Amino acid sequence: MLLLIIIAHLVVSVINFIEHLMLVYIILGWFVLFGAIKNRDGFFFKSYVFLLSKIEPLLAIIRRLIPPIMGLDFSALVAFFLLHISKSVVIALTNCLIRLFQ
């Protein structure tokens, strides 16, 4: 049972990490879009490009299912929603299994 708790905690931690990376990616994307980050050799732009290479494949899958509506891209919002639901499912299943084996 301890192994189950450790695995569930690890999965929830990975999901939280992905959510935080997506949030940083979105904020840096706004800065790049509005011209606040202009130096292409700077740390923030390189961080944005790195996150772009990691986060964009996930968002591209969602964009294929839900294309931008009137120019607004909701893929990041849908990704946050799906990650939150998956995190809640992992926590609920873990709690059910713990109660079942007690």
PDB file of N, CA and C in Angstrom:
ATOM      1  N   MET A   1       0.824  -1.187   0.000  1.00  0.00           N
ATOM      2  CA  MET A   1       0.000   0.000   0.000  1.00  0.00           C
ATOM      3  C   MET A   1       0.872   1.257   0.000  1.00  0.00           C
ATOM      4  N   LEU A   2       2.013   1.195   0.656  1.00  0.00           N
ATOM      5  CA  LEU A   2       2.929   2.326   0.675  1.00  0.00           C
ATOM      6  C   LEU A   2       3.437   2.623  -0.734  1.00  0.00           C
ATOM      7  N   LEU A   3       3.682   1.568  -1.506  1.00  0.00           N
ATOM      8  CA  LEU A   3       4.124   1.751  -2.888  1.00  0.00           C
ATOM      9  C   LEU A   3       3.063   2.478  -3.707  1.00  0.00           C
ATOM     10  N   LEU A   4       1.804   2.161  -3.503  1.00  0.00           N
ATOM     11  CA  LEU A   4       0.703   2.820  -4.193  1.00  0.00           C
ATOM     12  C   LEU A   4       0.671   4.311  -3.865  1.00  0.00           C
ATOM     13  N   ILE A   5       0.858   4.648  -2.616  1.00  0.00           N
ATOM     14  CA  ILE A   5       0.859   6.050  -2.203  1.00  0.00           C
ATOM     15  C   ILE A   5       2.040   6.796  -2.819  1.00  0.00           C
ATOM     16  N   ILE A   6       3.191   6.149  -2.848  1.00  0.00           N
ATOM     17  CA  ILE A   6       4.381   6.776  -3.430  1.00  0.00           C
ATOM     18  C   ILE A   6       4.186   7.016  -4.924  1.00  0.00           C
ATOM     19  N   ILE A   7       3.648   6.029  -5.631  1.00  0.00           N
ATOM     20  CA  ILE A   7       3.421   6.175  -7.075  1.00  0.00           C
ATOM     21  C   ILE A   7       2.391   7.271  -7.352  1.00  0.00           C
ATOM     22  N   ALA A   8       1.318   7.298  -6.574  1.00  0.00           N
ATOM     23  CA  ALA A   8       0.286   8.326  -6.759  1.00  0.00           C
ATOM     24  C   ALA A   8       0.862   9.715  -6.490  1.00  0.00           C
ATOM     25  N   HIS A   9       1.664   9.828  -5.452  1.00  0.00           N
ATOM     26  CA  HIS A   9       2.289  11.113  -5.141  1.00  0.00           C
ATOM     27  C   HIS A   9       3.230  11.547  -6.263  1.00  0.00           C
ATOM     28  N   LEU A  10       3.953  10.608  -6.828  1.00  0.00           N
ATOM     29  CA  LEU A  10       4.864  10.906  -7.934  1.00  0.00           C
ATOM     30  C   LEU A  10       4.087  11.373  -9.174  1.00  0.00           C
ATOM     31  N   VAL A  11       2.998  10.688  -9.484  1.00  0.00           N
ATOM     32  CA  VAL A  11       2.180  11.065 -10.645  1.00  0.00           C
ATOM     33  C   VAL A  11       1.583  12.461 -10.449  1.00  0.00           C
ATOM     34  N   VAL A  12       1.075  12.742  -9.268  1.00  0.00           N
ATOM     35  CA  VAL A  12       0.498  14.060  -8.990  1.00  0.00           C
ATOM     36  C   VAL A  12       1.589  15.135  -9.059  1.00  0.00           C
ATOM     37  N   SER A  13       2.779  14.822  -8.571  1.00  0.00           N
ATOM     38  CA  SER A  13       3.880  15.785  -8.637  1.00  0.00           C
ATOM     39  C   SER A  13       4.287  16.075 -10.080  1.00  0.00           C
ATOM     40  N   VAL A  14       4.309  15.057 -10.927  1.00  0.00           N
ATOM     41  CA  VAL A  14       4.646  15.254 -12.339  1.00  0.00           C
ATOM     42  C   VAL A  14       3.574  16.113 -13.015  1.00  0.00           C
ATOM     43  N   ILE A  15       2.316  15.860 -12.725  1.00  0.00           N
ATOM     44  CA  ILE A  15       1.240  16.664 -13.308  1.00  0.00           C
ATOM     45  C   ILE A  15       1.347  18.111 -12.849  1.00  0.00           C
ATOM     46  N   ASN A  16       1.625  18.331 -11.567  1.00  0.00           N
ATOM     47  CA  ASN A  16       1.814  19.695 -11.060  1.00  0.00           C
ATOM     48  C   ASN A  16       2.981  20.381 -11.764  1.00  0.00           C
ATOM     49  N   PHE A  17       4.073  19.646 -11.986  1.00  0.00           N
ATOM     50  CA  PHE A  17       5.238  20.195 -12.664  1.00  0.00           C
ATOM     51  C   PHE A  17       4.886  20.611 -14.091  1.00  0.00           C
ATOM     52  N   ILE A  18       4.139  19.778 -14.793  1.00  0.00           N
ATOM     53  CA  ILE A  18       3.726  20.108 -16.160  1.00  0.00           C
ATOM     54  C   ILE A  18       2.821  21.341 -16.164  1.00  0.00           C
ATOM     55  N   GLU A  19       1.922  21.430 -15.195  1.00  0.00           N
ATOM     56  CA  GLU A  19       1.054  22.601 -15.099  1.00  0.00           C
ATOM     57  C   GLU A  19       1.868  23.875 -14.894  1.00  0.00           C
ATOM     58  N   HIS A  20       2.873  23.811 -14.021  1.00  0.00           N
ATOM     59  CA  HIS A  20       3.714  24.979 -13.773  1.00  0.00           C
ATOM     60  C   HIS A  20       4.529  25.352 -15.012  1.00  0.00           C
ATOM     61  N   LEU A  21       5.052  24.354 -15.710  1.00  0.00           N
ATOM     62  CA  LEU A  21       5.789  24.640 -16.947  1.00  0.00           C
ATOM     63  C   LEU A  21       4.881  25.304 -17.980  1.00  0.00           C
ATOM     64  N   MET A  22       3.646  24.842 -18.080  1.00  0.00           N
ATOM     65  CA  MET A  22       2.706  25.438 -19.027  1.00  0.00           C
ATOM     66  C   MET A  22       2.413  26.885 -18.656  1.00  0.00           C
ATOM     67  N   LEU A  23       2.270  27.156 -17.376  1.00  0.00           N
ATOM     68  CA  LEU A  23       1.998  28.519 -16.929  1.00  0.00           C
ATOM     69  C   LEU A  23       3.164  29.446 -17.273  1.00  0.00           C
ATOM     70  N   VAL A  24       4.388  29.003 -17.032  1.00  0.00           N
ATOM     71  CA  VAL A  24       5.565  29.805 -17.382  1.00  0.00           C
ATOM     72  C   VAL A  24       5.639  29.995 -18.894  1.00  0.00           C
ATOM     73  N   TYR A  25       5.344  28.954 -19.656  1.00  0.00           N
ATOM     74  CA  TYR A  25       5.341  29.026 -21.119  1.00  0.00           C
ATOM     75  C   TYR A  25       4.337  30.066 -21.607  1.00  0.00           C
ATOM     76  N   ILE A  26       3.152  30.075 -21.040  1.00  0.00           N
ATOM     77  CA  ILE A  26       2.115  31.018 -21.448  1.00  0.00           C
ATOM     78  C   ILE A  26       2.531  32.449 -21.127  1.00  0.00           C
ATOM     79  N   ILE A  27       3.055  32.670 -19.930  1.00  0.00           N
ATOM     80  CA  ILE A  27       3.460  34.022 -19.540  1.00  0.00           C
ATOM     81  C   ILE A  27       4.617  34.516 -20.400  1.00  0.00           C
ATOM     82  N   LEU A  28       5.628  33.663 -20.624  1.00  0.00           N
ATOM     83  CA  LEU A  28       6.738  34.063 -21.487  1.00  0.00           C
ATOM     84  C   LEU A  28       6.260  34.299 -22.918  1.00  0.00           C
ATOM     85  N   GLY A  29       5.292  33.521 -23.374  1.00  0.00           N
ATOM     86  CA  GLY A  29       4.722  33.724 -24.704  1.00  0.00           C
ATOM     87  C   GLY A  29       4.058  35.083 -24.846  1.00  0.00           C
ATOM     88  N   TRP A  30       3.377  35.529 -23.796  1.00  0.00           N
ATOM     89  CA  TRP A  30       2.778  36.861 -23.819  1.00  0.00           C
ATOM     90  C   TRP A  30       3.858  37.934 -23.915  1.00  0.00           C
ATOM     91  N   PHE A  31       4.932  37.766 -23.130  1.00  0.00           N
ATOM     92  CA  PHE A  31       6.024  38.743 -23.175  1.00  0.00           C
ATOM     93  C   PHE A  31       6.670  38.796 -24.557  1.00  0.00           C
ATOM     94  N   VAL A  32       6.854  37.647 -25.178  1.00  0.00           N
ATOM     95  CA  VAL A  32       7.427  37.617 -26.527  1.00  0.00           C
ATOM     96  C   VAL A  32       6.448  38.230 -27.525  1.00  0.00           C
ATOM     97  N   LEU A  33       5.170  37.897 -27.416  1.00  0.00           N
ATOM     98  CA  LEU A  33       4.154  38.409 -28.336  1.00  0.00           C
ATOM     99  C   LEU A  33       4.049  39.924 -28.277  1.00  0.00           C
ATOM    100  N   PHE A  34       4.083  40.500 -27.083  1.00  0.00           N
ATOM    101  CA  PHE A  34       3.910  41.940 -26.931  1.00  0.00           C
ATOM    102  C   PHE A  34       5.222  42.711 -26.989  1.00  0.00           C
ATOM    103  N   GLY A  35       6.323  42.024 -27.258  1.00  0.00           N
ATOM    104  CA  GLY A  35       7.595  42.703 -27.479  1.00  0.00           C
ATOM    105  C   GLY A  35       8.375  43.056 -26.238  1.00  0.00           C
ATOM    106  N   ALA A  36       7.982  42.556 -25.088  1.00  0.00           N
ATOM    107  CA  ALA A  36       8.734  42.847 -23.868  1.00  0.00           C
ATOM    108  C   ALA A  36      10.051  42.076 -23.844  1.00  0.00           C
ATOM    109  N   ILE A  37      10.095  40.940 -24.509  1.00  0.00           N
ATOM    110  CA  ILE A  37      11.332  40.167 -24.646  1.00  0.00           C
ATOM    111  C   ILE A  37      11.748  40.254 -26.108  1.00  0.00           C
ATOM    112  N   LYS A  38      12.768  41.075 -26.355  1.00  0.00           N
ATOM    113  CA  LYS A  38      13.217  41.287 -27.732  1.00  0.00           C
ATOM    114  C   LYS A  38      14.562  40.642 -28.010  1.00  0.00           C
ATOM    115  N   ASN A  39      15.350  40.428 -26.990  1.00  0.00           N
ATOM    116  CA  ASN A  39      16.692  39.879 -27.167  1.00  0.00           C
ATOM    117  C   ASN A  39      16.599  38.383 -27.432  1.00  0.00           C
ATOM    118  N   ARG A  40      16.890  37.988 -28.654  1.00  0.00           N
ATOM    119  CA  ARG A  40      16.776  36.579 -29.050  1.00  0.00           C
ATOM    120  C   ARG A  40      17.873  35.713 -28.436  1.00  0.00           C
ATOM    121  N   ASP A  41      18.925  36.327 -27.905  1.00  0.00           N
ATOM    122  CA  ASP A  41      20.009  35.570 -27.276  1.00  0.00           C
ATOM    123  C   ASP A  41      19.904  35.554 -25.757  1.00  0.00           C
ATOM    124  N   GLY A  42      18.865  36.174 -25.204  1.00  0.00           N
ATOM    125  CA  GLY A  42      18.731  36.286 -23.757  1.00  0.00           C
ATOM    126  C   GLY A  42      18.196  35.010 -23.119  1.00  0.00           C
ATOM    127  N   PHE A  43      18.293  34.995 -21.799  1.00  0.00           N
ATOM    128  CA  PHE A  43      17.879  33.838 -21.010  1.00  0.00           C
ATOM    129  C   PHE A  43      16.386  33.554 -21.165  1.00  0.00           C
ATOM    130  N   PHE A  44      15.560  34.608 -21.098  1.00  0.00           N
ATOM    131  CA  PHE A  44      14.118  34.408 -21.123  1.00  0.00           C
ATOM    132  C   PHE A  44      13.647  33.879 -22.474  1.00  0.00           C
ATOM    133  N   PHE A  45      14.218  34.379 -23.551  1.00  0.00           N
ATOM    134  CA  PHE A  45      13.819  33.879 -24.863  1.00  0.00           C
ATOM    135  C   PHE A  45      14.270  32.435 -25.059  1.00  0.00           C
ATOM    136  N   LYS A  46      15.472  32.114 -24.604  1.00  0.00           N
ATOM    137  CA  LYS A  46      15.943  30.728 -24.701  1.00  0.00           C
ATOM    138  C   LYS A  46      15.073  29.803 -23.849  1.00  0.00           C
ATOM    139  N   SER A  47      14.643  30.287 -22.686  1.00  0.00           N
ATOM    140  CA  SER A  47      13.738  29.503 -21.843  1.00  0.00           C
ATOM    141  C   SER A  47      12.405  29.288 -22.544  1.00  0.00           C
ATOM    142  N   TYR A  48      11.925  30.342 -23.214  1.00  0.00           N
ATOM    143  CA  TYR A  48      10.665  30.231 -23.948  1.00  0.00           C
ATOM    144  C   TYR A  48      10.776  29.206 -25.076  1.00  0.00           C
ATOM    145  N   VAL A  49      11.870  29.244 -25.818  1.00  0.00           N
ATOM    146  CA  VAL A  49      12.063  28.305 -26.920  1.00  0.00           C
ATOM    147  C   VAL A  49      12.161  26.874 -26.394  1.00  0.00           C
ATOM    148  N   PHE A  50      12.846  26.693 -25.259  1.00  0.00           N
ATOM    149  CA  PHE A  50      12.939  25.361 -24.652  1.00  0.00           C
ATOM    150  C   PHE A  50      11.554  24.859 -24.255  1.00  0.00           C
ATOM    151  N   LEU A  51      10.783  25.698 -23.576  1.00  0.00           N
ATOM    152  CA  LEU A  51       9.435  25.297 -23.163  1.00  0.00           C
ATOM    153  C   LEU A  51       8.532  25.080 -24.370  1.00  0.00           C
ATOM    154  N   LEU A  52       8.730  25.871 -25.408  1.00  0.00           N
ATOM    155  CA  LEU A  52       7.967  25.699 -26.641  1.00  0.00           C
ATOM    156  C   LEU A  52       8.174  24.302 -27.210  1.00  0.00           C
ATOM    157  N   SER A  53       9.414  23.823 -27.181  1.00  0.00           N
ATOM    158  CA  SER A  53       9.696  22.493 -27.721  1.00  0.00           C
ATOM    159  C   SER A  53       9.106  21.379 -26.863  1.00  0.00           C
ATOM    160  N   LYS A  54       8.887  21.646 -25.591  1.00  0.00           N
ATOM    161  CA  LYS A  54       8.345  20.618 -24.693  1.00  0.00           C
ATOM    162  C   LYS A  54       6.821  20.655 -24.572  1.00  0.00           C
ATOM    163  N   ILE A  55       6.233  21.842 -24.562  1.00  0.00           N
ATOM    164  CA  ILE A  55       4.797  22.000 -24.312  1.00  0.00           C
ATOM    165  C   ILE A  55       3.986  21.959 -25.613  1.00  0.00           C
ATOM    166  N   GLU A  56       4.551  22.467 -26.680  1.00  0.00           N
ATOM    167  CA  GLU A  56       3.796  22.598 -27.930  1.00  0.00           C
ATOM    168  C   GLU A  56       3.265  21.272 -28.485  1.00  0.00           C
ATOM    169  N   PRO A  57       3.988  20.137 -28.382  1.00  0.00           N
ATOM    170  CA  PRO A  57       3.388  18.883 -28.878  1.00  0.00           C
ATOM    171  C   PRO A  57       2.081  18.514 -28.173  1.00  0.00           C
ATOM    172  N   LEU A  58       2.004  18.763 -26.880  1.00  0.00           N
ATOM    173  CA  LEU A  58       0.761  18.507 -26.144  1.00  0.00           C
ATOM    174  C   LEU A  58      -0.346  19.435 -26.634  1.00  0.00           C
ATOM    175  N   LEU A  59      -0.020  20.706 -26.798  1.00  0.00           N
ATOM    176  CA  LEU A  59      -1.028  21.662 -27.245  1.00  0.00           C
ATOM    177  C   LEU A  59      -1.437  21.417 -28.700  1.00  0.00           C
ATOM    178  N   ALA A  60      -0.525  20.906 -29.515  1.00  0.00           N
ATOM    179  CA  ALA A  60      -0.854  20.620 -30.919  1.00  0.00           C
ATOM    180  C   ALA A  60      -1.899  19.514 -31.026  1.00  0.00           C
ATOM    181  N   ILE A  61      -1.809  18.526 -30.155  1.00  0.00           N
ATOM    182  CA  ILE A  61      -2.818  17.454 -30.140  1.00  0.00           C
ATOM    183  C   ILE A  61      -4.188  18.028 -29.813  1.00  0.00           C
ATOM    184  N   ILE A  62      -4.229  18.914 -28.837  1.00  0.00           N
ATOM    185  CA  ILE A  62      -5.512  19.513 -28.450  1.00  0.00           C
ATOM    186  C   ILE A  62      -6.026  20.426 -29.548  1.00  0.00           C
ATOM    187  N   ARG A  63      -5.123  21.153 -30.227  1.00  0.00           N
ATOM    188  CA  ARG A  63      -5.543  22.043 -31.326  1.00  0.00           C
ATOM    189  C   ARG A  63      -6.144  21.265 -32.489  1.00  0.00           C
ATOM    190  N   ARG A  64      -5.694  20.023 -32.691  1.00  0.00           N
ATOM    191  CA  ARG A  64      -6.299  19.217 -33.754  1.00  0.00           C
ATOM    192  C   ARG A  64      -7.738  18.865 -33.416  1.00  0.00           C
ATOM    193  N   LEU A  65      -8.023  18.673 -32.125  1.00  0.00           N
ATOM    194  CA  LEU A  65      -9.378  18.339 -31.699  1.00  0.00           C
ATOM    195  C   LEU A  65     -10.260  19.573 -31.562  1.00  0.00           C
ATOM    196  N   ILE A  66      -9.672  20.659 -31.024  1.00  0.00           N
ATOM    197  CA  ILE A  66     -10.409  21.904 -30.824  1.00  0.00           C
ATOM    198  C   ILE A  66      -9.611  23.025 -31.481  1.00  0.00           C
ATOM    199  N   PRO A  67      -9.930  23.371 -32.722  1.00  0.00           N
ATOM    200  CA  PRO A  67      -9.170  24.435 -33.396  1.00  0.00           C
ATOM    201  C   PRO A  67      -9.473  25.793 -32.761  1.00  0.00           C
ATOM    202  N   PRO A  68      -8.617  26.785 -33.011  1.00  0.00           N
ATOM    203  CA  PRO A  68      -8.893  28.135 -32.486  1.00  0.00           C
ATOM    204  C   PRO A  68     -10.249  28.648 -32.962  1.00  0.00           C
ATOM    205  N   ILE A  69     -10.964  29.272 -32.052  1.00  0.00           N
ATOM    206  CA  ILE A  69     -12.300  29.789 -32.341  1.00  0.00           C
ATOM    207  C   ILE A  69     -12.208  31.308 -32.420  1.00  0.00           C
ATOM    208  N   MET A  70     -12.507  31.870 -33.568  1.00  0.00           N
ATOM    209  CA  MET A  70     -12.432  33.312 -33.828  1.00  0.00           C
ATOM    210  C   MET A  70     -11.068  33.887 -33.415  1.00  0.00           C
ATOM    211  N   GLY A  71     -10.020  33.151 -33.696  1.00  0.00           N
ATOM    212  CA  GLY A  71      -8.670  33.611 -33.408  1.00  0.00           C
ATOM    213  C   GLY A  71      -8.193  33.369 -31.994  1.00  0.00           C
ATOM    214  N   LEU A  72      -9.038  32.815 -31.137  1.00  0.00           N
ATOM    215  CA  LEU A  72      -8.649  32.547 -29.751  1.00  0.00           C
ATOM    216  C   LEU A  72      -8.287  31.075 -29.598  1.00  0.00           C
ATOM    217  N   ASP A  73      -7.102  30.854 -29.061  1.00  0.00           N
ATOM    218  CA  ASP A  73      -6.597  29.491 -28.874  1.00  0.00           C
ATOM    219  C   ASP A  73      -6.889  29.042 -27.444  1.00  0.00           C
ATOM    220  N   PHE A  74      -7.741  28.057 -27.307  1.00  0.00           N
ATOM    221  CA  PHE A  74      -8.125  27.548 -25.998  1.00  0.00           C
ATOM    222  C   PHE A  74      -7.384  26.260 -25.632  1.00  0.00           C
ATOM    223  N   SER A  75      -6.355  25.898 -26.398  1.00  0.00           N
ATOM    224  CA  SER A  75      -5.677  24.621 -26.160  1.00  0.00           C
ATOM    225  C   SER A  75      -5.005  24.570 -24.799  1.00  0.00           C
ATOM    226  N   ALA A  76      -4.408  25.671 -24.351  1.00  0.00           N
ATOM    227  CA  ALA A  76      -3.754  25.676 -23.036  1.00  0.00           C
ATOM    228  C   ALA A  76      -4.788  25.546 -21.920  1.00  0.00           C
ATOM    229  N   LEU A  77      -5.917  26.203 -22.079  1.00  0.00           N
ATOM    230  CA  LEU A  77      -6.985  26.103 -21.078  1.00  0.00           C
ATOM    231  C   LEU A  77      -7.526  24.680 -21.000  1.00  0.00           C
ATOM    232  N   VAL A  78      -7.721  24.057 -22.144  1.00  0.00           N
ATOM    233  CA  VAL A  78      -8.198  22.665 -22.183  1.00  0.00           C
ATOM    234  C   VAL A  78      -7.148  21.737 -21.579  1.00  0.00           C
ATOM    235  N   ALA A  79      -5.864  21.995 -21.865  1.00  0.00           N
ATOM    236  CA  ALA A  79      -4.796  21.170 -21.294  1.00  0.00           C
ATOM    237  C   ALA A  79      -4.768  21.291 -19.776  1.00  0.00           C
ATOM    238  N   PHE A  80      -4.909  22.519 -19.250  1.00  0.00           N
ATOM    239  CA  PHE A  80      -4.979  22.697 -17.796  1.00  0.00           C
ATOM    240  C   PHE A  80      -6.153  21.928 -17.214  1.00  0.00           C
ATOM    241  N   PHE A  81      -7.302  22.002 -17.868  1.00  0.00           N
ATOM    242  CA  PHE A  81      -8.502  21.321 -17.403  1.00  0.00           C
ATOM    243  C   PHE A  81      -8.288  19.803 -17.386  1.00  0.00           C
ATOM    244  N   LEU A  82      -7.730  19.264 -18.469  1.00  0.00           N
ATOM    245  CA  LEU A  82      -7.485  17.821 -18.537  1.00  0.00           C
ATOM    246  C   LEU A  82      -6.447  17.365 -17.513  1.00  0.00           C
ATOM    247  N   LEU A  83      -5.411  18.155 -17.325  1.00  0.00           N
ATOM    248  CA  LEU A  83      -4.404  17.805 -16.313  1.00  0.00           C
ATOM    249  C   LEU A  83      -5.005  17.830 -14.915  1.00  0.00           C
ATOM    250  N   HIS A  84      -5.848  18.824 -14.649  1.00  0.00           N
ATOM    251  CA  HIS A  84      -6.482  18.903 -13.329  1.00  0.00           C
ATOM    252  C   HIS A  84      -7.424  17.722 -13.096  1.00  0.00           C
ATOM    253  N   ILE A  85      -8.175  17.353 -14.123  1.00  0.00           N
ATOM    254  CA  ILE A  85      -9.073  16.199 -13.997  1.00  0.00           C
ATOM    255  C   ILE A  85      -8.270  14.920 -13.770  1.00  0.00           C
ATOM    256  N   SER A  86      -7.190  14.754 -14.523  1.00  0.00           N
ATOM    257  CA  SER A  86      -6.389  13.534 -14.343  1.00  0.00           C
ATOM    258  C   SER A  86      -5.760  13.485 -12.961  1.00  0.00           C
ATOM    259  N   LYS A  87      -5.348  14.637 -12.444  1.00  0.00           N
ATOM    260  CA  LYS A  87      -4.800  14.678 -11.093  1.00  0.00           C
ATOM    261  C   LYS A  87      -5.867  14.307 -10.065  1.00  0.00           C
ATOM    262  N   SER A  88      -7.070  14.812 -10.251  1.00  0.00           N
ATOM    263  CA  SER A  88      -8.170  14.487  -9.335  1.00  0.00           C
ATOM    264  C   SER A  88      -8.526  13.010  -9.400  1.00  0.00           C
ATOM    265  N   VAL A  89      -8.501  12.424 -10.594  1.00  0.00           N
ATOM    266  CA  VAL A  89      -8.798  10.995 -10.745  1.00  0.00           C
ATOM    267  C   VAL A  89      -7.753  10.145 -10.045  1.00  0.00           C
ATOM    268  N   VAL A  90      -6.484  10.508 -10.189  1.00  0.00           N
ATOM    269  CA  VAL A  90      -5.415   9.749  -9.515  1.00  0.00           C
ATOM    270  C   VAL A  90      -5.587   9.820  -8.010  1.00  0.00           C
ATOM    271  N   ILE A  91      -5.884  10.988  -7.486  1.00  0.00           N
ATOM    272  CA  ILE A  91      -6.068  11.141  -6.034  1.00  0.00           C
ATOM    273  C   ILE A  91      -7.286  10.357  -5.562  1.00  0.00           C
ATOM    274  N   ALA A  92      -8.394  10.435  -6.303  1.00  0.00           N
ATOM    275  CA  ALA A  92      -9.611   9.723  -5.903  1.00  0.00           C
ATOM    276  C   ALA A  92      -9.413   8.210  -5.950  1.00  0.00           C
ATOM    277  N   LEU A  93      -8.770   7.712  -7.010  1.00  0.00           N
ATOM    278  CA  LEU A  93      -8.521   6.269  -7.100  1.00  0.00           C
ATOM    279  C   LEU A  93      -7.596   5.785  -5.991  1.00  0.00           C
ATOM    280  N   THR A  94      -6.601   6.577  -5.677  1.00  0.00           N
ATOM    281  CA  THR A  94      -5.678   6.210  -4.594  1.00  0.00           C
ATOM    282  C   THR A  94      -6.418   6.144  -3.267  1.00  0.00           C
ATOM    283  N   ASN A  95      -7.262   7.149  -3.007  1.00  0.00           N
ATOM    284  CA  ASN A  95      -8.026   7.141  -1.754  1.00  0.00           C
ATOM    285  C   ASN A  95      -8.974   5.946  -1.687  1.00  0.00           C
ATOM    286  N   CYS A  96      -9.618   5.606  -2.806  1.00  0.00           N
ATOM    287  CA  CYS A  96     -10.520   4.448  -2.833  1.00  0.00           C
ATOM    288  C   CYS A  96      -9.762   3.158  -2.564  1.00  0.00           C
ATOM    289  N   LEU A  97      -8.604   2.995  -3.196  1.00  0.00           N
ATOM    290  CA  LEU A  97      -7.819   1.782  -3.004  1.00  0.00           C
ATOM    291  C   LEU A  97      -7.268   1.680  -1.589  1.00  0.00           C
ATOM    292  N   ILE A  98      -6.906   2.805  -1.006  1.00  0.00           N
ATOM    293  CA  ILE A  98      -6.424   2.780   0.383  1.00  0.00           C
ATOM    294  C   ILE A  98      -7.545   2.343   1.312  1.00  0.00           C
ATOM    295  N   ARG A  99      -8.743   2.915   1.114  1.00  0.00           N
ATOM    296  CA  ARG A  99      -9.880   2.523   1.964  1.00  0.00           C
ATOM    297  C   ARG A  99     -10.271   1.067   1.739  1.00  0.00           C
ATOM    298  N   LEU A 100     -10.122   0.591   0.502  1.00  0.00           N
ATOM    299  CA  LEU A 100     -10.485  -0.792   0.194  1.00  0.00           C
ATOM    300  C   LEU A 100      -9.561  -1.781   0.899  1.00  0.00           C
ATOM    301  N   PHE A 101      -8.282  -1.458   0.991  1.00  0.00           N
ATOM    302  CA  PHE A 101      -7.305  -2.382   1.568  1.00  0.00           C
ATOM    303  C   PHE A 101      -7.123  -2.208   3.080  1.00  0.00           C
ATOM    304  N   GLN A 102      -7.841  -1.277   3.692  1.00  0.00           N
ATOM    305  CA  GLN A 102      -7.706  -1.117   5.142  1.00  0.00           C
ATOM    306  C   GLN A 102      -8.541  -2.107   5.891  1.00  0.00           C
TER     307      GLN A 102
END
